[in-house]
Amino acid sequence: MFSKQAVCAYVATQALTLRARGIRINAICPGATDTPLARANAERWLGFGTDYREAAGVEVSQPIEQAGPLLFLCSDAASSITGTILTADHGYFTAGVSGSFPAATPVVTFMLGR
């Protein structure tokens, strides 16, 4: 989680400076994604959010599902978007923020530093 927080902070603090130079900076915060590295740490990485995915009826993301948001953020369609963190986690984070999935709320509270 710390590395995601560090990336989010970097994107937020650099957005204005870089935009003034014609550079956009954005990032995604992916949920559990089935990659070789994640499989090597399956219990911890792919196990995270299992209860939410079961309730939502979704599977662990595939790399191509994370590529789509990246392609959008790098495209001309996103030319007015900078300094944005796009969370691509099947709605886990927003379910924690809204309290619609209470088990996610402690994780979200930690991520937001509350």
C-alpha atoms as a PDB file:
ATOM      1  CA  MET A   1       0.000   0.000   0.000  1.00  0.00           C
ATOM      2  CA  PHE A   2       2.872   2.353   0.713  1.00  0.00           C
ATOM      3  CA  SER A   3       4.100   2.201  -2.872  1.00  0.00           C
ATOM      4  CA  LYS A   4       0.607   3.062  -4.161  1.00  0.00           C
ATOM      5  CA  GLN A   5       0.458   6.005  -1.758  1.00  0.00           C
ATOM      6  CA  ALA A   6       3.885   7.191  -2.917  1.00  0.00           C
ATOM      7  CA  VAL A   7       2.843   7.033  -6.593  1.00  0.00           C
ATOM      8  CA  CYS A   8      -0.397   8.879  -5.837  1.00  0.00           C
ATOM      9  CA  ALA A   9       1.500  11.608  -3.987  1.00  0.00           C
ATOM     10  CA  TYR A  10       4.032  11.945  -6.810  1.00  0.00           C
ATOM     11  CA  VAL A  11       1.324  12.235  -9.466  1.00  0.00           C
ATOM     12  CA  ALA A  12      -0.552  14.837  -7.419  1.00  0.00           C
ATOM     13  CA  THR A  13       2.494  16.983  -6.691  1.00  0.00           C
ATOM     14  CA  GLN A  14       3.923  16.868 -10.211  1.00  0.00           C
ATOM     15  CA  ALA A  15       0.735  17.389 -12.249  1.00  0.00           C
ATOM     16  CA  LEU A  16       0.854  21.199 -12.446  1.00  0.00           C
ATOM     17  CA  THR A  17       4.598  21.472 -13.044  1.00  0.00           C
ATOM     18  CA  LEU A  18       4.580  18.853 -15.756  1.00  0.00           C
ATOM     19  CA  ARG A  19       1.384  20.145 -17.413  1.00  0.00           C
ATOM     20  CA  ALA A  20       3.023  23.557 -17.740  1.00  0.00           C
ATOM     21  CA  ARG A  21       5.681  21.762 -19.823  1.00  0.00           C
ATOM     22  CA  GLY A  22       3.051  19.982 -21.939  1.00  0.00           C
ATOM     23  CA  ILE A  23       3.337  16.687 -20.117  1.00  0.00           C
ATOM     24  CA  ARG A  24       0.400  14.881 -18.543  1.00  0.00           C
ATOM     25  CA  ILE A  25       0.922  12.547 -15.583  1.00  0.00           C
ATOM     26  CA  ASN A  26      -1.655  10.043 -14.412  1.00  0.00           C
ATOM     27  CA  ALA A  27      -1.595   6.615 -12.806  1.00  0.00           C
ATOM     28  CA  ILE A  28      -3.774   3.640 -12.146  1.00  0.00           C
ATOM     29  CA  CYS A  29      -4.165   1.788  -8.871  1.00  0.00           C
ATOM     30  CA  PRO A  30      -4.988  -1.717  -9.973  1.00  0.00           C
ATOM     31  CA  GLY A  31      -6.758  -4.261  -7.863  1.00  0.00           C
ATOM     32  CA  ALA A  32      -5.622  -7.862  -7.722  1.00  0.00           C
ATOM     33  CA  THR A  33      -4.329  -8.752 -11.193  1.00  0.00           C
ATOM     34  CA  ASP A  34      -3.316 -12.207 -12.358  1.00  0.00           C
ATOM     35  CA  THR A  35       0.347 -11.839 -13.310  1.00  0.00           C
ATOM     36  CA  PRO A  36       3.347 -14.148 -12.775  1.00  0.00           C
ATOM     37  CA  LEU A  37       4.566 -11.942  -9.912  1.00  0.00           C
ATOM     38  CA  ALA A  38       1.133 -11.962  -8.282  1.00  0.00           C
ATOM     39  CA  ARG A  39       0.949 -15.746  -8.631  1.00  0.00           C
ATOM     40  CA  ALA A  40       4.283 -16.030  -6.831  1.00  0.00           C
ATOM     41  CA  ASN A  41       2.659 -14.159  -3.931  1.00  0.00           C
ATOM     42  CA  ALA A  42      -0.830 -15.539  -4.536  1.00  0.00           C
ATOM     43  CA  GLU A  43      -2.054 -15.793  -0.961  1.00  0.00           C
ATOM     44  CA  ARG A  44      -1.222 -12.185  -0.210  1.00  0.00           C
ATOM     45  CA  TRP A  45      -1.755 -10.454  -3.558  1.00  0.00           C
ATOM     46  CA  LEU A  46      -4.446 -12.476  -5.303  1.00  0.00           C
ATOM     47  CA  GLY A  47      -6.177 -13.282  -2.023  1.00  0.00           C
ATOM     48  CA  PHE A  48      -6.708  -9.607  -1.249  1.00  0.00           C
ATOM     49  CA  GLY A  49     -10.342  -8.642  -1.832  1.00  0.00           C
ATOM     50  CA  THR A  50     -11.536 -12.190  -2.475  1.00  0.00           C
ATOM     51  CA  ASP A  51     -14.624 -11.588  -0.336  1.00  0.00           C
ATOM     52  CA  TYR A  52     -15.484  -8.481  -2.356  1.00  0.00           C
ATOM     53  CA  ARG A  53     -14.958 -10.201  -5.703  1.00  0.00           C
ATOM     54  CA  GLU A  54     -17.206 -13.062  -4.606  1.00  0.00           C
ATOM     55  CA  ALA A  55     -19.935 -10.612  -3.551  1.00  0.00           C
ATOM     56  CA  ALA A  56     -19.557  -8.650  -6.806  1.00  0.00           C
ATOM     57  CA  GLY A  57     -19.407 -11.771  -8.975  1.00  0.00           C
ATOM     58  CA  VAL A  58     -16.092 -10.850 -10.595  1.00  0.00           C
ATOM     59  CA  GLU A  59     -12.763 -12.609 -10.983  1.00  0.00           C
ATOM     60  CA  VAL A  60      -9.231 -11.375 -10.408  1.00  0.00           C
ATOM     61  CA  SER A  61      -8.373  -8.912 -13.182  1.00  0.00           C
ATOM     62  CA  GLN A  62      -6.332  -9.989 -16.147  1.00  0.00           C
ATOM     63  CA  PRO A  63      -3.465  -7.784 -17.360  1.00  0.00           C
ATOM     64  CA  ILE A  64      -5.467  -6.741 -20.437  1.00  0.00           C
ATOM     65  CA  GLU A  65      -8.125  -5.302 -18.128  1.00  0.00           C
ATOM     66  CA  GLN A  66      -5.502  -3.024 -16.589  1.00  0.00           C
ATOM     67  CA  ALA A  67      -4.109  -2.121 -20.014  1.00  0.00           C
ATOM     68  CA  GLY A  68      -7.407  -0.549 -21.134  1.00  0.00           C
ATOM     69  CA  PRO A  69      -7.382   2.238 -18.533  1.00  0.00           C
ATOM     70  CA  LEU A  70      -3.704   2.895 -19.270  1.00  0.00           C
ATOM     71  CA  LEU A  71      -4.369   3.145 -22.990  1.00  0.00           C
ATOM     72  CA  PHE A  72      -7.204   5.578 -22.332  1.00  0.00           C
ATOM     73  CA  LEU A  73      -5.103   7.789 -20.058  1.00  0.00           C
ATOM     74  CA  CYS A  74      -2.350   7.894 -22.711  1.00  0.00           C
ATOM     75  CA  SER A  75      -4.761   8.668 -25.545  1.00  0.00           C
ATOM     76  CA  ASP A  76      -5.943  11.960 -27.022  1.00  0.00           C
ATOM     77  CA  ALA A  77      -9.370  11.183 -25.537  1.00  0.00           C
ATOM     78  CA  ALA A  78      -7.830  11.951 -22.132  1.00  0.00           C
ATOM     79  CA  SER A  79      -6.009  15.112 -23.236  1.00  0.00           C
ATOM     80  CA  SER A  80      -7.609  17.208 -20.485  1.00  0.00           C
ATOM     81  CA  ILE A  81      -6.870  14.685 -17.746  1.00  0.00           C
ATOM     82  CA  THR A  82      -3.767  15.104 -15.617  1.00  0.00           C
ATOM     83  CA  GLY A  83      -2.953  14.463 -11.983  1.00  0.00           C
ATOM     84  CA  THR A  84      -5.562  11.721 -11.845  1.00  0.00           C
ATOM     85  CA  ILE A  85      -5.334   8.382 -10.121  1.00  0.00           C
ATOM     86  CA  LEU A  86      -7.680   5.897 -11.757  1.00  0.00           C
ATOM     87  CA  THR A  87      -8.585   3.009  -9.491  1.00  0.00           C
ATOM     88  CA  ALA A  88      -9.162  -0.148 -11.539  1.00  0.00           C
ATOM     89  CA  ASP A  89     -10.274  -2.627  -8.884  1.00  0.00           C
ATOM     90  CA  HIS A  90     -13.839  -3.638  -9.785  1.00  0.00           C
ATOM     91  CA  GLY A  91     -15.159  -1.018  -7.328  1.00  0.00           C
ATOM     92  CA  TYR A  92     -13.499  -2.317  -4.153  1.00  0.00           C
ATOM     93  CA  PHE A  93     -12.110   1.055  -3.074  1.00  0.00           C
ATOM     94  CA  THR A  94     -15.323   3.007  -3.703  1.00  0.00           C
ATOM     95  CA  ALA A  95     -17.325   0.299  -1.919  1.00  0.00           C
ATOM     96  CA  GLY A  96     -15.104   0.894   1.097  1.00  0.00           C
ATOM     97  CA  VAL A  97     -15.446   4.682   0.872  1.00  0.00           C
ATOM     98  CA  SER A  98     -19.232   4.490   0.604  1.00  0.00           C
ATOM     99  CA  GLY A  99     -19.573   1.764   3.221  1.00  0.00           C
ATOM    100  CA  SER A 100     -21.510  -0.428   0.797  1.00  0.00           C
ATOM    101  CA  PHE A 101     -18.962  -3.185   1.458  1.00  0.00           C
ATOM    102  CA  PRO A 102     -17.977  -2.642   5.110  1.00  0.00           C
ATOM    103  CA  ALA A 103     -15.074  -5.124   5.018  1.00  0.00           C
ATOM    104  CA  ALA A 104     -13.250  -2.753   2.626  1.00  0.00           C
ATOM    105  CA  THR A 105     -13.704   0.308   4.833  1.00  0.00           C
ATOM    106  CA  PRO A 106     -10.692  -0.340   7.143  1.00  0.00           C
ATOM    107  CA  VAL A 107      -8.385  -0.726   4.124  1.00  0.00           C
ATOM    108  CA  VAL A 108      -9.717   2.473   2.564  1.00  0.00           C
ATOM    109  CA  THR A 109      -9.436   4.327   5.871  1.00  0.00           C
ATOM    110  CA  PHE A 110      -5.793   3.240   6.110  1.00  0.00           C
ATOM    111  CA  MET A 111      -5.089   4.253   2.491  1.00  0.00           C
ATOM    112  CA  LEU A 112      -6.618   7.681   3.080  1.00  0.00           C
ATOM    113  CA  GLY A 113      -4.640   8.130   6.293  1.00  0.00           C
ATOM    114  CA  ARG A 114      -7.700   8.498   8.501  1.00  0.00           C
END
